[in-house]
Structures are given as structure tokens and as C-alpha cells.
C-alpha atoms as a PDB file:
ATOM      1  CA  MET A   1     121.723  89.294  53.333  1.00  0.00           C
ATOM      2  CA  GLY A   2     121.599  88.511  49.634  1.00  0.00           C
ATOM      3  CA  ALA A   3     122.503  85.575  47.604  1.00  0.00           C
ATOM      4  CA  ARG A   4     125.834  83.943  48.267  1.00  0.00           C
ATOM      5  CA  TYR A   5     126.470  83.144  44.665  1.00  0.00           C
ATOM      6  CA  TYR A   6     123.700  84.455  42.468  1.00  0.00           C
ATOM      7  CA  GLY A   7     120.023  85.209  42.372  1.00  0.00           C
ATOM      8  CA  ALA A   8     117.228  84.528  39.932  1.00  0.00           C
ATOM      9  CA  ASP A   9     114.578  87.241  39.186  1.00  0.00           C
ATOM     10  CA  SER A  10     111.465  86.900  37.111  1.00  0.00           C
ATOM     11  CA  GLU A  11     109.604  89.630  35.333  1.00  0.00           C
ATOM     12  CA  ASN A  12     106.744  89.554  37.800  1.00  0.00           C
ATOM     13  CA  GLY A  13     109.062  90.348  40.686  1.00  0.00           C
ATOM     14  CA  ASP A  14     109.763  86.940  42.191  1.00  0.00           C
ATOM     15  CA  ARG A  15     113.348  86.403  43.404  1.00  0.00           C
ATOM     16  CA  ILE A  16     115.047  83.392  44.650  1.00  0.00           C
ATOM     17  CA  ASP A  17     118.631  83.629  46.084  1.00  0.00           C
ATOM     18  CA  ASP A  18     120.971  80.774  45.095  1.00  0.00           C
ATOM     19  CA  PRO A  19     118.087  78.835  43.429  1.00  0.00           C
ATOM     20  CA  SER A  20     118.211  75.062  43.165  1.00  0.00           C
ATOM     21  CA  GLU A  21     117.420  73.198  40.049  1.00  0.00           C
ATOM     22  CA  ASP A  22     113.965  72.597  41.394  1.00  0.00           C
ATOM     23  CA  ALA A  23     113.534  76.325  42.130  1.00  0.00           C
ATOM     24  CA  LEU A  24     114.574  77.210  38.645  1.00  0.00           C
ATOM     25  CA  PHE A  25     112.171  74.624  37.199  1.00  0.00           C
ATOM     26  CA  MET A  26     109.339  76.226  39.156  1.00  0.00           C
ATOM     27  CA  MET A  27     110.247  79.719  38.163  1.00  0.00           C
ATOM     28  CA  ILE A  28     110.429  78.720  34.360  1.00  0.00           C
ATOM     29  CA  SER A  29     107.162  76.812  34.712  1.00  0.00           C
ATOM     30  CA  ASP A  30     105.453  80.016  35.950  1.00  0.00           C
ATOM     31  CA  LEU A  31     106.469  81.921  32.777  1.00  0.00           C
ATOM     32  CA  ASN A  32     103.744  82.991  30.417  1.00  0.00           C
ATOM     33  CA  ASP A  33     103.437  85.076  27.346  1.00  0.00           C
ATOM     34  CA  SER A  34     101.722  88.117  28.864  1.00  0.00           C
ATOM     35  CA  ASP A  35     103.119  89.495  32.208  1.00  0.00           C
ATOM     36  CA  ASN A  36     105.815  87.041  33.302  1.00  0.00           C
ATOM     37  CA  THR A  37     107.888  86.372  30.186  1.00  0.00           C
ATOM     38  CA  PHE A  38     111.479  85.921  31.458  1.00  0.00           C
ATOM     39  CA  VAL A  39     113.772  84.782  34.281  1.00  0.00           C
ATOM     40  CA  VAL A  40     117.303  86.133  34.653  1.00  0.00           C
ATOM     41  CA  ALA A  41     119.979  84.579  36.896  1.00  0.00           C
ATOM     42  CA  GLN A  42     123.197  86.507  37.655  1.00  0.00           C
ATOM     43  CA  PRO A  43     125.669  87.148  40.362  1.00  0.00           C
ATOM     44  CA  ASP A  44     124.415  89.228  43.238  1.00  0.00           C
ATOM     45  CA  GLU A  45     126.834  91.973  42.654  1.00  0.00           C
ATOM     46  CA  ASP A  46     127.192  95.337  40.893  1.00  0.00           C
ATOM     47  CA  ASP A  47     128.091  94.950  37.210  1.00  0.00           C
ATOM     48  CA  PRO A  48     127.915  91.129  37.052  1.00  0.00           C
ATOM     49  CA  VAL A  49     130.274  89.449  34.526  1.00  0.00           C
ATOM     50  CA  TRP A  50     127.778  86.708  33.517  1.00  0.00           C
ATOM     51  CA  PHE A  51     124.039  86.032  33.308  1.00  0.00           C
ATOM     52  CA  ALA A  52     121.626  83.435  32.058  1.00  0.00           C
ATOM     53  CA  SER A  53     118.070  84.170  30.988  1.00  0.00           C
ATOM     54  CA  VAL A  54     115.046  82.148  29.874  1.00  0.00           C
ATOM     55  CA  SER A  55     112.319  83.800  27.848  1.00  0.00           C
ATOM     56  CA  VAL A  56     109.003  82.468  26.586  1.00  0.00           C
ATOM     57  CA  LEU A  57     108.978  82.320  22.680  1.00  0.00           C
ATOM     58  CA  ASP A  58     105.474  80.724  22.574  1.00  0.00           C
ATOM     59  CA  GLU A  59     103.452  78.217  24.638  1.00  0.00           C
ATOM     60  CA  ARG A  60     105.995  75.451  24.046  1.00  0.00           C
ATOM     61  CA  ASP A  61     109.307  77.063  23.253  1.00  0.00           C
ATOM     62  CA  TYR A  62     111.827  78.894  25.388  1.00  0.00           C
ATOM     63  CA  GLU A  63     114.911  80.873  24.422  1.00  0.00           C
ATOM     64  CA  ILE A  64     117.965  80.400  26.637  1.00  0.00           C
ATOM     65  CA  VAL A  65     120.730  83.018  26.629  1.00  0.00           C
ATOM     66  CA  ARG A  66     124.034  82.404  28.424  1.00  0.00           C
ATOM     67  CA  ARG A  67     126.597  85.226  28.596  1.00  0.00           C
ATOM     68  CA  ASP A  68     129.918  85.307  30.286  1.00  0.00           C
ATOM     69  CA  THR A  69     132.230  88.255  29.491  1.00  0.00           C
ATOM     70  CA  THR A  70     135.295  86.795  31.268  1.00  0.00           C
ATOM     71  CA  ARG A  71     135.208  83.751  28.979  1.00  0.00           C
ATOM     72  CA  ASN A  72     133.922  85.604  25.745  1.00  0.00           C
ATOM     73  CA  GLU A  73     130.873  83.206  25.812  1.00  0.00           C
ATOM     74  CA  HIS A  74     127.534  84.188  24.311  1.00  0.00           C
ATOM     75  CA  GLU A  75     125.236  81.401  23.518  1.00  0.00           C
ATOM     76  CA  VAL A  76     121.528  81.439  22.500  1.00  0.00           C
ATOM     77  CA  THR A  77     119.553  78.270  22.183  1.00  0.00           C
ATOM     78  CA  THR A  78     115.883  77.167  22.260  1.00  0.00           C
ATOM     79  CA  SER A  79     114.248  74.303  24.110  1.00  0.00           C
ATOM     80  CA  THR A  80     110.856  72.920  24.907  1.00  0.00           C
ATOM     81  CA  SER A  81     111.971  70.981  27.961  1.00  0.00           C
ATOM     82  CA  ILE A  82     111.779  72.921  31.182  1.00  0.00           C
ATOM     83  CA  ASN A  83     113.561  69.970  32.919  1.00  0.00           C
ATOM     84  CA  ASP A  84     116.539  70.185  30.641  1.00  0.00           C
ATOM     85  CA  ILE A  85     116.725  73.952  30.822  1.00  0.00           C
ATOM     86  CA  ALA A  86     116.831  73.900  34.627  1.00  0.00           C
ATOM     87  CA  ARG A  87     119.369  71.202  34.768  1.00  0.00           C
ATOM     88  CA  ASP A  88     121.634  72.762  32.121  1.00  0.00           C
ATOM     89  CA  LEU A  89     121.520  76.159  33.678  1.00  0.00           C
ATOM     90  CA  THR A  90     122.168  74.845  37.215  1.00  0.00           C
ATOM     91  CA  ILE A  91     125.373  73.052  35.846  1.00  0.00           C
ATOM     92  CA  TRP A  92     126.392  76.098  33.752  1.00  0.00           C
ATOM     93  CA  MET A  93     126.020  78.495  36.776  1.00  0.00           C
ATOM     94  CA  ALA A  94     127.857  76.103  39.112  1.00  0.00           C
ATOM     95  CA  THR A  95     131.019  76.304  36.823  1.00  0.00           C
ATOM     96  CA  ARG A  96     130.756  80.111  37.101  1.00  0.00           C
ATOM     97  CA  ARG A  97     130.920  79.758  41.002  1.00  0.00           C
ATOM     98  CA  ILE A  98     134.033  77.504  40.820  1.00  0.00           C
ATOM     99  CA  SER A  99     135.953  79.762  38.556  1.00  0.00           C
ATOM    100  CA  ALA A 100     135.061  82.898  40.579  1.00  0.00           C
ATOM    101  CA  ARG A 101     136.749  81.515  43.746  1.00  0.00           C
END
């Protein structure tokens, strides 16, 4: 059985179904600039209408992309705080679950 709401996948093949804030923190912490450069979270369905991704820009900076086609949202930001990224993405993804019900 897949994720109830969404899954998070990293470039190196790690996957977590319905990741918690702590799980996202760990996945982002494991990113590097050679062979594990991004994490993508999206609904566990064909043709998902939203996604969020975190990519390594350099050793301290991360690019965060949030896209939701149903709300015409497309936001690209940068951050140096893995804590803030994990918290913000958890909140953002939770609002997607509520609106999808």
C-alpha cells in the first residue's frame, strides 16, 4: 500500500510515505551536491496536481519550489535553514490534504 496522502522521494532512491516534519528534515539533511541533490514530495497518484521540491544550491543554500496547479501557485525561494524548510513544507503540504478532501 502506498502513501495515504503523499510521498517524498530523494534522488538517491530513498522514499518515505506520508513523511513527518522530522522525516523531511532528515531527507533534506542527507542532500549533497554530487549524487543526492534533491527531494520531491507529491501526492501518491497519477498526474499529481501539486509538488514541492528541495534542491541543493551549494553547501549552505537550498532552493525550494512549491507548485499547485489547482491554485495557480508557483513559488521559488531559497533558505539556509533545514529546520525552517521542513516545517514550512509540512504546513504547506497539510493544506493540500485538507483542500483535497
